[in-house]
Amino acid sequence: MTWTAVAAADFMGDGEVTVHNVRDTRIALCRTGGVYYAIDDLCTHDGGPLDQGHLQGQQIECPRHGAKFDVTTGRALTLPAVRPVRTYAVRMSEGTVEVDVP
């Protein structure tokens, strides 16, 4: 695994999404229920930036056409998206959020 530090543990509040470039990959870091999740910052329907969408609970909505994804699994929940978004492992290490991007 290749862990990369992306933010301090208290950097974000619940319901927030930030984008980070990790190893040439745009990652949307989402915090919900006090837990961080990392997904590709790319809607699988049309390539829209998910970090600009609305995060409610474990669902993030693409701002372009309203496709929704589960940030915990990447699963596409609503049309027009049918393919899942890629997810990445996240861990906390000494007060830092780290993401594993191969």
PDB file of N, CA and C in Angstrom:
ATOM      1  N   MET A   1       0.839  -1.182   0.000  1.00  0.00           N
ATOM      2  CA  MET A   1       0.000   0.000   0.000  1.00  0.00           C
ATOM      3  C   MET A   1       0.881   1.242   0.000  1.00  0.00           C
ATOM      4  N   THR A   2       0.336   2.279  -0.644  1.00  0.00           N
ATOM      5  CA  THR A   2       1.057   3.534  -0.741  1.00  0.00           C
ATOM      6  C   THR A   2       0.229   4.623  -0.075  1.00  0.00           C
ATOM      7  N   TRP A   3       0.450   4.848   1.204  1.00  0.00           N
ATOM      8  CA  TRP A   3      -0.323   5.826   1.960  1.00  0.00           C
ATOM      9  C   TRP A   3       0.235   7.226   1.749  1.00  0.00           C
ATOM     10  N   THR A   4      -0.663   8.182   1.490  1.00  0.00           N
ATOM     11  CA  THR A   4      -0.288   9.573   1.290  1.00  0.00           C
ATOM     12  C   THR A   4      -1.109  10.444   2.220  1.00  0.00           C
ATOM     13  N   ALA A   5      -0.453  11.303   2.978  1.00  0.00           N
ATOM     14  CA  ALA A   5      -1.149  12.238   3.867  1.00  0.00           C
ATOM     15  C   ALA A   5      -1.852  13.287   3.016  1.00  0.00           C
ATOM     16  N   VAL A   6      -3.138  13.538   3.334  1.00  0.00           N
ATOM     17  CA  VAL A   6      -3.885  14.523   2.561  1.00  0.00           C
ATOM     18  C   VAL A   6      -4.441  15.664   3.404  1.00  0.00           C
ATOM     19  N   ALA A   7      -4.653  15.442   4.703  1.00  0.00           N
ATOM     20  CA  ALA A   7      -5.244  16.498   5.531  1.00  0.00           C
ATOM     21  C   ALA A   7      -5.071  16.174   7.007  1.00  0.00           C
ATOM     22  N   ALA A   8      -5.172  17.211   7.823  1.00  0.00           N
ATOM     23  CA  ALA A   8      -5.214  17.010   9.277  1.00  0.00           C
ATOM     24  C   ALA A   8      -6.571  16.418   9.624  1.00  0.00           C
ATOM     25  N   ALA A   9      -6.608  15.623  10.673  1.00  0.00           N
ATOM     26  CA  ALA A   9      -7.840  14.923  11.065  1.00  0.00           C
ATOM     27  C   ALA A   9      -9.002  15.870  11.340  1.00  0.00           C
ATOM     28  N   ASP A  10      -8.727  17.067  11.816  1.00  0.00           N
ATOM     29  CA  ASP A  10      -9.795  18.022  12.123  1.00  0.00           C
ATOM     30  C   ASP A  10      -9.973  19.079  11.036  1.00  0.00           C
ATOM     31  N   PHE A  11      -9.454  18.818   9.865  1.00  0.00           N
ATOM     32  CA  PHE A  11      -9.475  19.751   8.741  1.00  0.00           C
ATOM     33  C   PHE A  11     -10.890  20.022   8.238  1.00  0.00           C
ATOM     34  N   MET A  12     -11.767  19.007   8.282  1.00  0.00           N
ATOM     35  CA  MET A  12     -13.103  19.113   7.704  1.00  0.00           C
ATOM     36  C   MET A  12     -14.174  18.789   8.733  1.00  0.00           C
ATOM     37  N   GLY A  13     -15.341  19.368   8.540  1.00  0.00           N
ATOM     38  CA  GLY A  13     -16.495  19.025   9.347  1.00  0.00           C
ATOM     39  C   GLY A  13     -17.350  17.999   8.615  1.00  0.00           C
ATOM     40  N   ASP A  14     -18.321  17.445   9.312  1.00  0.00           N
ATOM     41  CA  ASP A  14     -19.237  16.493   8.686  1.00  0.00           C
ATOM     42  C   ASP A  14     -19.986  17.150   7.527  1.00  0.00           C
ATOM     43  N   GLY A  15     -20.187  16.386   6.471  1.00  0.00           N
ATOM     44  CA  GLY A  15     -20.909  16.875   5.304  1.00  0.00           C
ATOM     45  C   GLY A  15     -20.060  17.674   4.348  1.00  0.00           C
ATOM     46  N   GLU A  16     -18.765  17.740   4.594  1.00  0.00           N
ATOM     47  CA  GLU A  16     -17.867  18.500   3.715  1.00  0.00           C
ATOM     48  C   GLU A  16     -17.115  17.576   2.767  1.00  0.00           C
ATOM     49  N   VAL A  17     -16.752  18.147   1.614  1.00  0.00           N
ATOM     50  CA  VAL A  17     -15.982  17.441   0.591  1.00  0.00           C
ATOM     51  C   VAL A  17     -14.859  18.366   0.146  1.00  0.00           C
ATOM     52  N   THR A  18     -13.645  17.837   0.064  1.00  0.00           N
ATOM     53  CA  THR A  18     -12.520  18.600  -0.471  1.00  0.00           C
ATOM     54  C   THR A  18     -11.827  17.751  -1.518  1.00  0.00           C
ATOM     55  N   VAL A  19     -11.145  18.406  -2.431  1.00  0.00           N
ATOM     56  CA  VAL A  19     -10.443  17.674  -3.485  1.00  0.00           C
ATOM     57  C   VAL A  19      -8.944  17.763  -3.239  1.00  0.00           C
ATOM     58  N   HIS A  20      -8.257  16.652  -3.508  1.00  0.00           N
ATOM     59  CA  HIS A  20      -6.813  16.558  -3.305  1.00  0.00           C
ATOM     60  C   HIS A  20      -6.202  15.816  -4.485  1.00  0.00           C
ATOM     61  N   ASN A  21      -5.043  16.277  -4.917  1.00  0.00           N
ATOM     62  CA  ASN A  21      -4.310  15.564  -5.965  1.00  0.00           C
ATOM     63  C   ASN A  21      -3.333  14.613  -5.293  1.00  0.00           C
ATOM     64  N   VAL A  22      -3.534  13.330  -5.527  1.00  0.00           N
ATOM     65  CA  VAL A  22      -2.696  12.298  -4.931  1.00  0.00           C
ATOM     66  C   VAL A  22      -2.160  11.421  -6.052  1.00  0.00           C
ATOM     67  N   ARG A  23      -0.849  11.458  -6.232  1.00  0.00           N
ATOM     68  CA  ARG A  23      -0.200  10.631  -7.252  1.00  0.00           C
ATOM     69  C   ARG A  23      -0.875  10.800  -8.615  1.00  0.00           C
ATOM     70  N   ASP A  24      -1.102  12.053  -9.016  1.00  0.00           N
ATOM     71  CA  ASP A  24      -1.727  12.403 -10.298  1.00  0.00           C
ATOM     72  C   ASP A  24      -3.175  11.952 -10.416  1.00  0.00           C
ATOM     73  N   THR A  25      -3.856  11.745  -9.291  1.00  0.00           N
ATOM     74  CA  THR A  25      -5.263  11.364  -9.279  1.00  0.00           C
ATOM     75  C   THR A  25      -6.031  12.371  -8.438  1.00  0.00           C
ATOM     76  N   ARG A  26      -7.135  12.899  -8.982  1.00  0.00           N
ATOM     77  CA  ARG A  26      -7.992  13.816  -8.218  1.00  0.00           C
ATOM     78  C   ARG A  26      -8.909  12.999  -7.323  1.00  0.00           C
ATOM     79  N   ILE A  27      -8.741  13.192  -6.022  1.00  0.00           N
ATOM     80  CA  ILE A  27      -9.501  12.454  -5.018  1.00  0.00           C
ATOM     81  C   ILE A  27     -10.464  13.411  -4.316  1.00  0.00           C
ATOM     82  N   ALA A  28     -11.724  12.997  -4.198  1.00  0.00           N
ATOM     83  CA  ALA A  28     -12.689  13.741  -3.383  1.00  0.00           C
ATOM     84  C   ALA A  28     -12.686  13.098  -2.005  1.00  0.00           C
ATOM     85  N   LEU A  29     -12.258  13.854  -1.007  1.00  0.00           N
ATOM     86  CA  LEU A  29     -12.250  13.386   0.367  1.00  0.00           C
ATOM     87  C   LEU A  29     -13.550  13.845   1.012  1.00  0.00           C
ATOM     88  N   CYS A  30     -14.334  12.883   1.487  1.00  0.00           N
ATOM     89  CA  CYS A  30     -15.662  13.156   2.043  1.00  0.00           C
ATOM     90  C   CYS A  30     -15.671  12.786   3.522  1.00  0.00           C
ATOM     91  N   ARG A  31     -16.326  13.619   4.322  1.00  0.00           N
ATOM     92  CA  ARG A  31     -16.469  13.288   5.744  1.00  0.00           C
ATOM     93  C   ARG A  31     -17.953  13.245   6.089  1.00  0.00           C
ATOM     94  N   THR A  32     -18.376  12.110   6.589  1.00  0.00           N
ATOM     95  CA  THR A  32     -19.760  11.939   7.001  1.00  0.00           C
ATOM     96  C   THR A  32     -19.814  11.033   8.220  1.00  0.00           C
ATOM     97  N   GLY A  33     -20.593  11.413   9.214  1.00  0.00           N
ATOM     98  CA  GLY A  33     -20.684  10.631  10.441  1.00  0.00           C
ATOM     99  C   GLY A  33     -19.360  10.530  11.167  1.00  0.00           C
ATOM    100  N   GLY A  34     -18.483  11.545  10.977  1.00  0.00           N
ATOM    101  CA  GLY A  34     -17.181  11.542  11.621  1.00  0.00           C
ATOM    102  C   GLY A  34     -16.152  10.642  10.963  1.00  0.00           C
ATOM    103  N   VAL A  35     -16.511  10.025   9.838  1.00  0.00           N
ATOM    104  CA  VAL A  35     -15.628   9.092   9.140  1.00  0.00           C
ATOM    105  C   VAL A  35     -15.268   9.683   7.777  1.00  0.00           C
ATOM    106  N   TYR A  36     -14.012   9.502   7.370  1.00  0.00           N
ATOM    107  CA  TYR A  36     -13.548   9.975   6.069  1.00  0.00           C
ATOM    108  C   TYR A  36     -13.630   8.861   5.040  1.00  0.00           C
ATOM    109  N   TYR A  37     -14.004   9.244   3.811  1.00  0.00           N
ATOM    110  CA  TYR A  37     -14.047   8.334   2.666  1.00  0.00           C
ATOM    111  C   TYR A  37     -13.376   9.043   1.500  1.00  0.00           C
ATOM    112  N   ALA A  38     -12.739   8.281   0.615  1.00  0.00           N
ATOM    113  CA  ALA A  38     -12.072   8.856  -0.549  1.00  0.00           C
ATOM    114  C   ALA A  38     -12.577   8.168  -1.802  1.00  0.00           C
ATOM    115  N   ILE A  39     -12.946   8.988  -2.787  1.00  0.00           N
ATOM    116  CA  ILE A  39     -13.436   8.485  -4.068  1.00  0.00           C
ATOM    117  C   ILE A  39     -12.793   9.299  -5.185  1.00  0.00           C
ATOM    118  N   ASP A  40     -12.833   8.758  -6.404  1.00  0.00           N
ATOM    119  CA  ASP A  40     -12.400   9.558  -7.549  1.00  0.00           C
ATOM    120  C   ASP A  40     -13.284  10.791  -7.638  1.00  0.00           C
ATOM    121  N   ASP A  41     -12.697  11.919  -7.944  1.00  0.00           N
ATOM    122  CA  ASP A  41     -13.452  13.161  -8.106  1.00  0.00           C
ATOM    123  C   ASP A  41     -13.951  13.256  -9.540  1.00  0.00           C
ATOM    124  N   LEU A  42     -14.704  12.230  -9.953  1.00  0.00           N
ATOM    125  CA  LEU A  42     -15.081  12.108 -11.351  1.00  0.00           C
ATOM    126  C   LEU A  42     -16.367  11.305 -11.472  1.00  0.00           C
ATOM    127  N   CYS A  43     -17.438  11.964 -11.881  1.00  0.00           N
ATOM    128  CA  CYS A  43     -18.698  11.261 -12.112  1.00  0.00           C
ATOM    129  C   CYS A  43     -18.512  10.287 -13.273  1.00  0.00           C
ATOM    130  N   THR A  44     -18.969   9.061 -13.092  1.00  0.00           N
ATOM    131  CA  THR A  44     -18.796   8.059 -14.149  1.00  0.00           C
ATOM    132  C   THR A  44     -19.783   8.252 -15.293  1.00  0.00           C
ATOM    133  N   HIS A  45     -20.731   9.154 -15.126  1.00  0.00           N
ATOM    134  CA  HIS A  45     -21.679   9.428 -16.211  1.00  0.00           C
ATOM    135  C   HIS A  45     -21.080  10.372 -17.248  1.00  0.00           C
ATOM    136  N   ASP A  46     -20.533  11.512 -16.790  1.00  0.00           N
ATOM    137  CA  ASP A  46     -20.018  12.469 -17.774  1.00  0.00           C
ATOM    138  C   ASP A  46     -18.722  13.153 -17.356  1.00  0.00           C
ATOM    139  N   GLY A  47     -18.079  12.658 -16.310  1.00  0.00           N
ATOM    140  CA  GLY A  47     -16.789  13.205 -15.907  1.00  0.00           C
ATOM    141  C   GLY A  47     -16.871  14.465 -15.067  1.00  0.00           C
ATOM    142  N   GLY A  48     -18.053  14.793 -14.550  1.00  0.00           N
ATOM    143  CA  GLY A  48     -18.210  15.983 -13.710  1.00  0.00           C
ATOM    144  C   GLY A  48     -17.456  15.855 -12.401  1.00  0.00           C
ATOM    145  N   PRO A  49     -17.088  16.987 -11.797  1.00  0.00           N
ATOM    146  CA  PRO A  49     -16.351  16.996 -10.531  1.00  0.00           C
ATOM    147  C   PRO A  49     -17.280  16.752  -9.340  1.00  0.00           C
ATOM    148  N   LEU A  50     -17.155  15.616  -8.703  1.00  0.00           N
ATOM    149  CA  LEU A  50     -18.034  15.276  -7.587  1.00  0.00           C
ATOM    150  C   LEU A  50     -17.810  16.161  -6.369  1.00  0.00           C
ATOM    151  N   ASP A  51     -16.605  16.721  -6.205  1.00  0.00           N
ATOM    152  CA  ASP A  51     -16.354  17.564  -5.031  1.00  0.00           C
ATOM    153  C   ASP A  51     -17.232  18.809  -5.037  1.00  0.00           C
ATOM    154  N   GLN A  52     -17.776  19.173  -6.177  1.00  0.00           N
ATOM    155  CA  GLN A  52     -18.648  20.341  -6.264  1.00  0.00           C
ATOM    156  C   GLN A  52     -20.117  19.977  -6.043  1.00  0.00           C
ATOM    157  N   GLY A  53     -20.365  18.688  -5.823  1.00  0.00           N
ATOM    158  CA  GLY A  53     -21.725  18.226  -5.575  1.00  0.00           C
ATOM    159  C   GLY A  53     -22.100  18.309  -4.115  1.00  0.00           C
ATOM    160  N   HIS A  54     -23.308  17.865  -3.821  1.00  0.00           N
ATOM    161  CA  HIS A  54     -23.841  17.921  -2.459  1.00  0.00           C
ATOM    162  C   HIS A  54     -23.666  16.567  -1.779  1.00  0.00           C
ATOM    163  N   LEU A  55     -23.070  16.560  -0.585  1.00  0.00           N
ATOM    164  CA  LEU A  55     -22.910  15.343   0.210  1.00  0.00           C
ATOM    165  C   LEU A  55     -23.966  15.356   1.306  1.00  0.00           C
ATOM    166  N   GLN A  56     -24.823  14.334   1.292  1.00  0.00           N
ATOM    167  CA  GLN A  56     -25.840  14.200   2.325  1.00  0.00           C
ATOM    168  C   GLN A  56     -25.775  12.769   2.839  1.00  0.00           C
ATOM    169  N   GLY A  57     -25.386  12.628   4.103  1.00  0.00           N
ATOM    170  CA  GLY A  57     -25.171  11.291   4.633  1.00  0.00           C
ATOM    171  C   GLY A  57     -24.053  10.621   3.855  1.00  0.00           C
ATOM    172  N   GLN A  58     -24.311   9.437   3.376  1.00  0.00           N
ATOM    173  CA  GLN A  58     -23.292   8.700   2.618  1.00  0.00           C
ATOM    174  C   GLN A  58     -23.446   8.854   1.112  1.00  0.00           C
ATOM    175  N   GLN A  59     -24.315   9.771   0.668  1.00  0.00           N
ATOM    176  CA  GLN A  59     -24.558   9.967  -0.750  1.00  0.00           C
ATOM    177  C   GLN A  59     -24.011  11.297  -1.227  1.00  0.00           C
ATOM    178  N   ILE A  60     -23.311  11.243  -2.369  1.00  0.00           N
ATOM    179  CA  ILE A  60     -22.860  12.483  -2.995  1.00  0.00           C
ATOM    180  C   ILE A  60     -23.556  12.590  -4.344  1.00  0.00           C
ATOM    181  N   GLU A  61     -24.002  13.797  -4.655  1.00  0.00           N
ATOM    182  CA  GLU A  61     -24.739  14.036  -5.895  1.00  0.00           C
ATOM    183  C   GLU A  61     -23.892  14.850  -6.859  1.00  0.00           C
ATOM    184  N   CYS A  62     -23.777  14.380  -8.085  1.00  0.00           N
ATOM    185  CA  CYS A  62     -23.042  15.107  -9.118  1.00  0.00           C
ATOM    186  C   CYS A  62     -23.806  16.399  -9.439  1.00  0.00           C
ATOM    187  N   PRO A  63     -23.101  17.532  -9.508  1.00  0.00           N
ATOM    188  CA  PRO A  63     -23.785  18.798  -9.755  1.00  0.00           C
ATOM    189  C   PRO A  63     -24.293  18.955 -11.189  1.00  0.00           C
ATOM    190  N   ARG A  64     -23.828  18.132 -12.099  1.00  0.00           N
ATOM    191  CA  ARG A  64     -24.222  18.309 -13.505  1.00  0.00           C
ATOM    192  C   ARG A  64     -25.590  17.717 -13.830  1.00  0.00           C
ATOM    193  N   HIS A  65     -25.779  16.433 -13.548  1.00  0.00           N
ATOM    194  CA  HIS A  65     -27.026  15.774 -13.949  1.00  0.00           C
ATOM    195  C   HIS A  65     -27.721  15.043 -12.806  1.00  0.00           C
ATOM    196  N   GLY A  66     -27.216  15.176 -11.581  1.00  0.00           N
ATOM    197  CA  GLY A  66     -27.902  14.633 -10.427  1.00  0.00           C
ATOM    198  C   GLY A  66     -27.658  13.172 -10.109  1.00  0.00           C
ATOM    199  N   ALA A  67     -26.700  12.543 -10.774  1.00  0.00           N
ATOM    200  CA  ALA A  67     -26.374  11.153 -10.429  1.00  0.00           C
ATOM    201  C   ALA A  67     -25.873  11.118  -8.989  1.00  0.00           C
ATOM    202  N   LYS A  68     -26.259  10.076  -8.261  1.00  0.00           N
ATOM    203  CA  LYS A  68     -25.826   9.948  -6.872  1.00  0.00           C
ATOM    204  C   LYS A  68     -24.987   8.686  -6.703  1.00  0.00           C
ATOM    205  N   PHE A  69     -23.990   8.795  -5.804  1.00  0.00           N
ATOM    206  CA  PHE A  69     -23.080   7.696  -5.515  1.00  0.00           C
ATOM    207  C   PHE A  69     -22.977   7.500  -4.009  1.00  0.00           C
ATOM    208  N   ASP A  70     -22.765   6.263  -3.592  1.00  0.00           N
ATOM    209  CA  ASP A  70     -22.508   5.940  -2.193  1.00  0.00           C
ATOM    210  C   ASP A  70     -21.007   6.113  -1.972  1.00  0.00           C
ATOM    211  N   VAL A  71     -20.614   7.048  -1.101  1.00  0.00           N
ATOM    212  CA  VAL A  71     -19.185   7.316  -0.899  1.00  0.00           C
ATOM    213  C   VAL A  71     -18.481   6.187  -0.153  1.00  0.00           C
ATOM    214  N   THR A  72     -19.239   5.309   0.493  1.00  0.00           N
ATOM    215  CA  THR A  72     -18.617   4.210   1.236  1.00  0.00           C
ATOM    216  C   THR A  72     -18.258   3.039   0.331  1.00  0.00           C
ATOM    217  N   THR A  73     -19.000   2.867  -0.763  1.00  0.00           N
ATOM    218  CA  THR A  73     -18.766   1.729  -1.668  1.00  0.00           C
ATOM    219  C   THR A  73     -18.453   2.149  -3.094  1.00  0.00           C
ATOM    220  N   GLY A  74     -18.807   3.392  -3.453  1.00  0.00           N
ATOM    221  CA  GLY A  74     -18.638   3.864  -4.822  1.00  0.00           C
ATOM    222  C   GLY A  74     -19.816   3.532  -5.723  1.00  0.00           C
ATOM    223  N   ARG A  75     -20.765   2.758  -5.231  1.00  0.00           N
ATOM    224  CA  ARG A  75     -21.892   2.294  -6.044  1.00  0.00           C
ATOM    225  C   ARG A  75     -22.711   3.461  -6.593  1.00  0.00           C
ATOM    226  N   ALA A  76     -23.069   3.372  -7.880  1.00  0.00           N
ATOM    227  CA  ALA A  76     -23.975   4.341  -8.489  1.00  0.00           C
ATOM    228  C   ALA A  76     -25.374   4.053  -7.969  1.00  0.00           C
ATOM    229  N   LEU A  77     -26.033   5.071  -7.423  1.00  0.00           N
ATOM    230  CA  LEU A  77     -27.343   4.887  -6.809  1.00  0.00           C
ATOM    231  C   LEU A  77     -28.497   5.346  -7.688  1.00  0.00           C
ATOM    232  N   THR A  78     -28.243   6.316  -8.562  1.00  0.00           N
ATOM    233  CA  THR A  78     -29.305   6.834  -9.425  1.00  0.00           C
ATOM    234  C   THR A  78     -28.784   7.087 -10.829  1.00  0.00           C
ATOM    235  N   LEU A  79     -29.710   7.026 -11.772  1.00  0.00           N
ATOM    236  CA  LEU A  79     -29.393   7.393 -13.147  1.00  0.00           C
ATOM    237  C   LEU A  79     -29.145   8.890 -13.203  1.00  0.00           C
ATOM    238  N   PRO A  80     -28.357   9.372 -14.111  1.00  0.00           N
ATOM    239  CA  PRO A  80     -27.903   8.686 -15.306  1.00  0.00           C
ATOM    240  C   PRO A  80     -26.642   7.833 -15.127  1.00  0.00           C
ATOM    241  N   ALA A  81     -26.029   7.829 -13.961  1.00  0.00           N
ATOM    242  CA  ALA A  81     -24.833   6.994 -13.753  1.00  0.00           C
ATOM    243  C   ALA A  81     -25.245   5.541 -13.560  1.00  0.00           C
ATOM    244  N   VAL A  82     -24.482   4.647 -14.157  1.00  0.00           N
ATOM    245  CA  VAL A  82     -24.715   3.212 -13.971  1.00  0.00           C
ATOM    246  C   VAL A  82     -23.456   2.501 -13.478  1.00  0.00           C
ATOM    247  N   ARG A  83     -22.297   3.120 -13.696  1.00  0.00           N
ATOM    248  CA  ARG A  83     -21.029   2.528 -13.246  1.00  0.00           C
ATOM    249  C   ARG A  83     -20.608   3.149 -11.916  1.00  0.00           C
ATOM    250  N   PRO A  84     -19.994   2.352 -11.050  1.00  0.00           N
ATOM    251  CA  PRO A  84     -19.536   2.882  -9.756  1.00  0.00           C
ATOM    252  C   PRO A  84     -18.345   3.817  -9.923  1.00  0.00           C
ATOM    253  N   VAL A  85     -18.139   4.657  -8.936  1.00  0.00           N
ATOM    254  CA  VAL A  85     -16.959   5.504  -8.865  1.00  0.00           C
ATOM    255  C   VAL A  85     -15.928   4.745  -8.026  1.00  0.00           C
ATOM    256  N   ARG A  86     -14.669   4.908  -8.360  1.00  0.00           N
ATOM    257  CA  ARG A  86     -13.614   4.198  -7.641  1.00  0.00           C
ATOM    258  C   ARG A  86     -13.445   4.756  -6.232  1.00  0.00           C
ATOM    259  N   THR A  87     -13.250   3.853  -5.285  1.00  0.00           N
ATOM    260  CA  THR A  87     -13.010   4.244  -3.895  1.00  0.00           C
ATOM    261  C   THR A  87     -11.580   3.903  -3.508  1.00  0.00           C
ATOM    262  N   TYR A  88     -11.110   4.552  -2.450  1.00  0.00           N
ATOM    263  CA  TYR A  88      -9.752   4.335  -1.958  1.00  0.00           C
ATOM    264  C   TYR A  88      -9.786   4.137  -0.444  1.00  0.00           C
ATOM    265  N   ALA A  89      -8.881   3.321   0.044  1.00  0.00           N
ATOM    266  CA  ALA A  89      -8.777   3.092   1.487  1.00  0.00           C
ATOM    267  C   ALA A  89      -8.307   4.373   2.175  1.00  0.00           C
ATOM    268  N   VAL A  90      -8.864   4.621   3.356  1.00  0.00           N
ATOM    269  CA  VAL A  90      -8.508   5.796   4.160  1.00  0.00           C
ATOM    270  C   VAL A  90      -8.159   5.322   5.554  1.00  0.00           C
ATOM    271  N   ARG A  91      -7.141   5.942   6.150  1.00  0.00           N
ATOM    272  CA  ARG A  91      -6.804   5.638   7.542  1.00  0.00           C
ATOM    273  C   ARG A  91      -6.373   6.923   8.237  1.00  0.00           C
ATOM    274  N   MET A  92      -6.434   6.864   9.554  1.00  0.00           N
ATOM    275  CA  MET A  92      -5.953   7.955  10.383  1.00  0.00           C
ATOM    276  C   MET A  92      -4.611   7.523  10.962  1.00  0.00           C
ATOM    277  N   SER A  93      -3.639   8.415  10.902  1.00  0.00           N
ATOM    278  CA  SER A  93      -2.323   8.117  11.443  1.00  0.00           C
ATOM    279  C   SER A  93      -1.764   9.370  12.112  1.00  0.00           C
ATOM    280  N   GLU A  94      -1.650   9.322  13.415  1.00  0.00           N
ATOM    281  CA  GLU A  94      -1.088  10.430  14.186  1.00  0.00           C
ATOM    282  C   GLU A  94      -1.744  11.767  13.849  1.00  0.00           C
ATOM    283  N   GLY A  95      -3.078  11.781  13.819  1.00  0.00           N
ATOM    284  CA  GLY A  95      -3.811  13.010  13.584  1.00  0.00           C
ATOM    285  C   GLY A  95      -3.876  13.461  12.134  1.00  0.00           C
ATOM    286  N   THR A  96      -3.513  12.571  11.220  1.00  0.00           N
ATOM    287  CA  THR A  96      -3.503  12.895   9.799  1.00  0.00           C
ATOM    288  C   THR A  96      -4.369  11.903   9.040  1.00  0.00           C
ATOM    289  N   VAL A  97      -5.126  12.405   8.065  1.00  0.00           N
ATOM    290  CA  VAL A  97      -5.905  11.547   7.169  1.00  0.00           C
ATOM    291  C   VAL A  97      -4.977  11.116   6.036  1.00  0.00           C
ATOM    292  N   GLU A  98      -4.892   9.820   5.829  1.00  0.00           N
ATOM    293  CA  GLU A  98      -4.063   9.271   4.755  1.00  0.00           C
ATOM    294  C   GLU A  98      -4.924   8.439   3.813  1.00  0.00           C
ATOM    295  N   VAL A  99      -4.603   8.520   2.517  1.00  0.00           N
ATOM    296  CA  VAL A  99      -5.332   7.787   1.498  1.00  0.00           C
ATOM    297  C   VAL A  99      -4.355   6.888   0.753  1.00  0.00           C
ATOM    298  N   ASP A 100      -4.822   5.681   0.423  1.00  0.00           N
ATOM    299  CA  ASP A 100      -4.006   4.724  -0.332  1.00  0.00           C
ATOM    300  C   ASP A 100      -4.391   4.792  -1.798  1.00  0.00           C
ATOM    301  N   VAL A 101      -3.541   5.423  -2.596  1.00  0.00           N
ATOM    302  CA  VAL A 101      -3.749   5.506  -4.048  1.00  0.00           C
ATOM    303  C   VAL A 101      -2.588   4.785  -4.699  1.00  0.00           C
ATOM    304  N   PRO A 102      -2.888   3.677  -5.399  1.00  0.00           N
ATOM    305  CA  PRO A 102      -1.786   2.899  -6.027  1.00  0.00           C
ATOM    306  C   PRO A 102      -1.048   3.698  -7.093  1.00  0.00           C
TER     307      PRO A 102
END
